[in-house]
Amino acid sequence: MKSLIQAVAVAAALVVPVASFAQSHSTITRAQVREELVQLQKVGYRVGDGDQAHYPDAIQAAEAKVAAQNGNSAYGGVANASESGARGATVSAQDWNAMYAHP
């Protein structure tokens, strides 16, 4: 009886990782990530330039430029169906800092 319980426990331990990796589709592909990086570089953002002090502001400013070029905005309008769930709304650096400012 004890060996049966051990066998079931081992089988369950082996099945759980297999089930967790059984995802049907990713929401974003590698090609889409590369395309976004290229767009960011075209508007002046440099990946890995070592300027960690300005990282959040720099990436947010670059994303805002890309969104302006693409005609996407967080206020109204209709997003393309293929992009509606891929990215969240872009928050400006000023709004971001105000959100986390301590009085």
N, C-alpha and C. Protein backbone atom coordinates (compact mmCIF):
# COMPACT_ATOMS: atom_id res chain seq x y z
N MET A 1 0.82 -1.19 0.00
CA MET A 1 0.00 0.00 0.00
C MET A 1 0.87 1.25 0.00
N LYS A 2 1.95 1.22 0.81
CA LYS A 2 2.83 2.37 0.89
C LYS A 2 3.51 2.64 -0.46
N SER A 3 3.89 1.59 -1.16
CA SER A 3 4.54 1.76 -2.46
C SER A 3 3.56 2.33 -3.49
N LEU A 4 2.28 1.99 -3.37
CA LEU A 4 1.27 2.54 -4.27
C LEU A 4 1.13 4.05 -4.07
N ILE A 5 1.13 4.49 -2.82
CA ILE A 5 1.03 5.92 -2.53
C ILE A 5 2.27 6.65 -3.06
N GLN A 6 3.43 6.05 -2.88
CA GLN A 6 4.66 6.66 -3.39
C GLN A 6 4.63 6.74 -4.91
N ALA A 7 4.14 5.73 -5.56
CA ALA A 7 4.07 5.72 -7.02
C ALA A 7 3.12 6.81 -7.53
N VAL A 8 2.00 6.96 -6.86
CA VAL A 8 1.04 8.00 -7.24
C VAL A 8 1.65 9.39 -7.02
N ALA A 9 2.36 9.56 -5.93
CA ALA A 9 2.99 10.86 -5.63
C ALA A 9 4.06 11.19 -6.67
N VAL A 10 4.85 10.21 -7.06
CA VAL A 10 5.88 10.44 -8.08
C VAL A 10 5.24 10.74 -9.43
N ALA A 11 4.21 10.02 -9.78
CA ALA A 11 3.52 10.26 -11.05
C ALA A 11 2.90 11.65 -11.07
N ALA A 12 2.31 12.07 -9.97
CA ALA A 12 1.71 13.41 -9.89
C ALA A 12 2.79 14.48 -10.01
N ALA A 13 3.93 14.25 -9.38
CA ALA A 13 5.03 15.21 -9.44
C ALA A 13 5.57 15.34 -10.87
N LEU A 14 5.52 14.28 -11.64
CA LEU A 14 6.00 14.32 -13.02
C LEU A 14 4.98 14.94 -13.98
N VAL A 15 3.71 14.82 -13.67
CA VAL A 15 2.66 15.33 -14.54
C VAL A 15 2.47 16.84 -14.40
N VAL A 16 2.66 17.38 -13.22
CA VAL A 16 2.41 18.81 -12.97
C VAL A 16 3.28 19.69 -13.86
N PRO A 17 4.60 19.49 -13.97
CA PRO A 17 5.38 20.35 -14.86
C PRO A 17 4.97 20.25 -16.33
N VAL A 18 4.59 19.07 -16.76
CA VAL A 18 4.17 18.89 -18.15
C VAL A 18 2.90 19.70 -18.41
N ALA A 19 1.97 19.67 -17.49
CA ALA A 19 0.72 20.40 -17.65
C ALA A 19 0.94 21.91 -17.60
N SER A 20 1.91 22.37 -16.81
CA SER A 20 2.13 23.81 -16.71
C SER A 20 2.77 24.38 -17.97
N PHE A 21 3.49 23.58 -18.73
CA PHE A 21 4.09 24.06 -19.96
C PHE A 21 3.18 23.87 -21.17
N ALA A 22 2.00 23.35 -20.99
CA ALA A 22 1.10 23.08 -22.09
C ALA A 22 0.25 24.31 -22.41
N GLN A 23 0.90 25.41 -22.75
CA GLN A 23 0.18 26.62 -23.13
C GLN A 23 -0.08 26.59 -24.62
N SER A 24 -1.27 27.00 -25.01
CA SER A 24 -1.64 26.91 -26.41
C SER A 24 -0.97 27.97 -27.27
N HIS A 25 -1.09 29.25 -26.89
CA HIS A 25 -0.53 30.32 -27.70
C HIS A 25 0.01 31.43 -26.81
N SER A 26 1.05 32.04 -27.27
CA SER A 26 1.59 33.20 -26.58
C SER A 26 0.87 34.45 -27.08
N THR A 27 0.81 35.48 -26.24
CA THR A 27 0.12 36.69 -26.66
C THR A 27 1.00 37.56 -27.56
N ILE A 28 2.31 37.35 -27.51
CA ILE A 28 3.20 38.14 -28.34
C ILE A 28 4.34 37.24 -28.83
N THR A 29 4.74 37.42 -30.08
CA THR A 29 5.77 36.56 -30.66
C THR A 29 7.13 37.26 -30.59
N ARG A 30 8.17 36.50 -30.86
CA ARG A 30 9.52 37.07 -30.90
C ARG A 30 9.63 38.12 -32.00
N ALA A 31 8.99 37.86 -33.11
CA ALA A 31 9.03 38.82 -34.21
C ALA A 31 8.40 40.14 -33.80
N GLN A 32 7.32 40.08 -33.04
CA GLN A 32 6.67 41.31 -32.58
C GLN A 32 7.56 42.07 -31.59
N VAL A 33 8.26 41.34 -30.73
CA VAL A 33 9.17 41.99 -29.78
C VAL A 33 10.31 42.66 -30.54
N ARG A 34 10.86 41.96 -31.52
CA ARG A 34 11.95 42.55 -32.33
C ARG A 34 11.46 43.79 -33.07
N GLU A 35 10.25 43.73 -33.60
CA GLU A 35 9.69 44.87 -34.31
C GLU A 35 9.54 46.07 -33.37
N GLU A 36 9.09 45.82 -32.15
CA GLU A 36 8.96 46.90 -31.17
C GLU A 36 10.32 47.49 -30.82
N LEU A 37 11.34 46.64 -30.68
CA LEU A 37 12.68 47.14 -30.39
C LEU A 37 13.21 48.01 -31.53
N VAL A 38 12.96 47.59 -32.75
CA VAL A 38 13.39 48.38 -33.90
C VAL A 38 12.67 49.72 -33.92
N GLN A 39 11.37 49.73 -33.64
CA GLN A 39 10.63 50.99 -33.59
C GLN A 39 11.18 51.91 -32.51
N LEU A 40 11.51 51.35 -31.34
CA LEU A 40 12.06 52.15 -30.25
C LEU A 40 13.41 52.74 -30.64
N GLN A 41 14.22 51.95 -31.31
CA GLN A 41 15.53 52.44 -31.74
C GLN A 41 15.40 53.53 -32.79
N LYS A 42 14.40 53.45 -33.65
CA LYS A 42 14.19 54.46 -34.69
C LYS A 42 13.81 55.82 -34.09
N VAL A 43 13.18 55.82 -32.91
CA VAL A 43 12.80 57.09 -32.29
C VAL A 43 13.87 57.57 -31.30
N GLY A 44 15.01 56.88 -31.24
CA GLY A 44 16.12 57.36 -30.44
C GLY A 44 16.45 56.60 -29.18
N TYR A 45 15.70 55.58 -28.84
CA TYR A 45 16.00 54.81 -27.63
C TYR A 45 17.10 53.81 -27.93
N ARG A 46 18.06 53.74 -27.06
CA ARG A 46 19.18 52.81 -27.23
C ARG A 46 19.11 51.75 -26.13
N VAL A 47 18.96 50.50 -26.53
CA VAL A 47 18.86 49.39 -25.59
C VAL A 47 20.25 49.12 -25.01
N GLY A 48 20.33 49.07 -23.69
CA GLY A 48 21.57 48.71 -23.03
C GLY A 48 22.67 49.73 -23.15
N ASP A 49 22.33 51.02 -23.17
CA ASP A 49 23.37 52.05 -23.29
C ASP A 49 24.02 52.36 -21.95
N GLY A 50 23.59 51.71 -20.89
CA GLY A 50 24.21 51.88 -19.59
C GLY A 50 23.64 53.03 -18.77
N ASP A 51 22.65 53.73 -19.29
CA ASP A 51 22.06 54.86 -18.58
C ASP A 51 20.90 54.36 -17.72
N GLN A 52 21.22 53.68 -16.65
CA GLN A 52 20.19 53.09 -15.80
C GLN A 52 19.46 54.12 -14.96
N ALA A 53 20.07 55.27 -14.76
CA ALA A 53 19.43 56.30 -13.93
C ALA A 53 18.19 56.87 -14.59
N HIS A 54 18.16 56.87 -15.92
CA HIS A 54 17.02 57.44 -16.65
C HIS A 54 16.21 56.38 -17.39
N TYR A 55 16.39 55.12 -17.01
CA TYR A 55 15.71 54.03 -17.73
C TYR A 55 14.20 54.20 -17.83
N PRO A 56 13.47 54.35 -16.75
CA PRO A 56 12.02 54.41 -16.90
C PRO A 56 11.57 55.59 -17.75
N ASP A 57 12.18 56.75 -17.54
CA ASP A 57 11.78 57.93 -18.30
C ASP A 57 12.11 57.78 -19.77
N ALA A 58 13.30 57.22 -20.06
CA ALA A 58 13.73 57.09 -21.45
C ALA A 58 12.85 56.12 -22.23
N ILE A 59 12.53 54.97 -21.65
CA ILE A 59 11.71 53.99 -22.36
C ILE A 59 10.28 54.49 -22.51
N GLN A 60 9.77 55.17 -21.50
CA GLN A 60 8.40 55.69 -21.60
C GLN A 60 8.31 56.79 -22.65
N ALA A 61 9.32 57.64 -22.72
CA ALA A 61 9.31 58.69 -23.74
C ALA A 61 9.38 58.08 -25.13
N ALA A 62 10.22 57.06 -25.29
CA ALA A 62 10.34 56.39 -26.59
C ALA A 62 9.04 55.68 -26.96
N GLU A 63 8.39 55.04 -26.00
CA GLU A 63 7.12 54.37 -26.28
C GLU A 63 6.04 55.39 -26.65
N ALA A 64 6.08 56.55 -26.02
CA ALA A 64 5.11 57.60 -26.36
C ALA A 64 5.33 58.08 -27.79
N LYS A 65 6.59 58.21 -28.21
CA LYS A 65 6.89 58.63 -29.58
C LYS A 65 6.41 57.58 -30.58
N VAL A 66 6.64 56.32 -30.27
CA VAL A 66 6.20 55.24 -31.15
C VAL A 66 4.67 55.23 -31.24
N ALA A 67 4.01 55.39 -30.10
CA ALA A 67 2.54 55.41 -30.10
C ALA A 67 2.02 56.59 -30.92
N ALA A 68 2.69 57.74 -30.82
CA ALA A 68 2.27 58.91 -31.61
C ALA A 68 2.45 58.65 -33.09
N GLN A 69 3.54 58.00 -33.46
CA GLN A 69 3.78 57.68 -34.87
C GLN A 69 2.76 56.68 -35.40
N ASN A 70 2.37 55.75 -34.56
CA ASN A 70 1.41 54.72 -34.97
C ASN A 70 -0.03 55.21 -34.89
N GLY A 71 -0.25 56.36 -34.28
CA GLY A 71 -1.60 56.88 -34.17
C GLY A 71 -2.38 56.27 -33.03
N ASN A 72 -1.72 55.54 -32.15
CA ASN A 72 -2.40 54.94 -30.99
C ASN A 72 -2.37 55.93 -29.85
N SER A 73 -3.45 56.01 -29.12
CA SER A 73 -3.45 56.82 -27.91
C SER A 73 -4.24 56.10 -26.85
N ALA A 74 -3.98 56.45 -25.61
CA ALA A 74 -4.68 55.82 -24.50
C ALA A 74 -6.04 56.46 -24.26
N TYR A 75 -6.36 57.51 -25.01
CA TYR A 75 -7.61 58.24 -24.79
C TYR A 75 -8.50 58.11 -26.02
N GLY A 76 -9.47 57.23 -25.93
CA GLY A 76 -10.45 57.09 -27.00
C GLY A 76 -9.89 56.43 -28.24
N GLY A 77 -10.66 56.52 -29.30
CA GLY A 77 -10.22 55.91 -30.55
C GLY A 77 -10.45 54.42 -30.54
N VAL A 78 -10.18 53.81 -31.67
CA VAL A 78 -10.35 52.37 -31.81
C VAL A 78 -9.00 51.77 -32.13
N ALA A 79 -8.56 50.83 -31.31
CA ALA A 79 -7.27 50.17 -31.53
C ALA A 79 -7.44 49.09 -32.59
N ASN A 80 -6.35 48.77 -33.25
CA ASN A 80 -6.38 47.66 -34.20
C ASN A 80 -6.68 46.38 -33.44
N ALA A 81 -7.43 45.49 -34.06
CA ALA A 81 -7.83 44.27 -33.37
C ALA A 81 -6.63 43.42 -33.00
N SER A 82 -5.58 43.42 -33.82
CA SER A 82 -4.41 42.60 -33.52
C SER A 82 -3.58 43.16 -32.38
N GLU A 83 -3.75 44.44 -32.05
CA GLU A 83 -2.93 45.06 -31.03
C GLU A 83 -3.68 45.32 -29.73
N SER A 84 -4.96 45.09 -29.70
CA SER A 84 -5.76 45.51 -28.55
C SER A 84 -5.32 44.85 -27.25
N GLY A 85 -4.92 43.59 -27.25
CA GLY A 85 -4.53 42.94 -26.02
C GLY A 85 -3.04 42.80 -25.84
N ALA A 86 -2.26 43.26 -26.80
CA ALA A 86 -0.83 43.03 -26.75
C ALA A 86 -0.11 43.95 -25.78
N ARG A 87 -0.55 45.20 -25.65
CA ARG A 87 0.15 46.16 -24.81
C ARG A 87 -0.83 46.92 -23.96
N GLY A 88 -0.37 47.36 -22.82
CA GLY A 88 -1.18 48.20 -21.96
C GLY A 88 -1.07 49.65 -22.39
N ALA A 89 -1.78 50.51 -21.72
CA ALA A 89 -1.74 51.93 -22.03
C ALA A 89 -0.39 52.51 -21.63
N THR A 90 0.08 53.48 -22.40
CA THR A 90 1.33 54.15 -22.10
C THR A 90 1.06 55.28 -21.12
N VAL A 91 1.86 55.35 -20.07
CA VAL A 91 1.72 56.38 -19.05
C VAL A 91 2.89 57.34 -19.20
N SER A 92 2.61 58.62 -19.21
CA SER A 92 3.68 59.60 -19.35
C SER A 92 4.55 59.60 -18.10
N ALA A 93 5.79 60.07 -18.25
CA ALA A 93 6.71 60.12 -17.12
C ALA A 93 6.17 61.02 -16.02
N GLN A 94 5.52 62.12 -16.39
CA GLN A 94 4.97 63.04 -15.40
C GLN A 94 3.86 62.35 -14.60
N ASP A 95 2.96 61.65 -15.28
CA ASP A 95 1.89 60.94 -14.59
C ASP A 95 2.46 59.82 -13.71
N TRP A 96 3.48 59.15 -14.21
CA TRP A 96 4.10 58.06 -13.47
C TRP A 96 4.71 58.58 -12.17
N ASN A 97 5.46 59.68 -12.28
CA ASN A 97 6.10 60.25 -11.10
C ASN A 97 5.06 60.78 -10.11
N ALA A 98 3.99 61.38 -10.62
CA ALA A 98 2.94 61.90 -9.74
C ALA A 98 2.22 60.77 -9.01
N MET A 99 2.10 59.63 -9.66
CA MET A 99 1.41 58.50 -9.07
C MET A 99 2.18 57.97 -7.86
N TYR A 100 3.51 58.01 -7.90
CA TYR A 100 4.32 57.45 -6.83
C TYR A 100 4.97 58.51 -5.95
N ALA A 101 4.61 59.76 -6.12
CA ALA A 101 5.16 60.83 -5.29
C ALA A 101 4.56 60.77 -3.89
N HIS A 102 5.38 61.01 -2.91
CA HIS A 102 4.92 61.03 -1.53
C HIS A 102 4.71 62.47 -1.09
N PRO A 103 3.55 62.77 -0.48
CA PRO A 103 3.28 64.16 -0.07
C PRO A 103 4.16 64.61 1.07
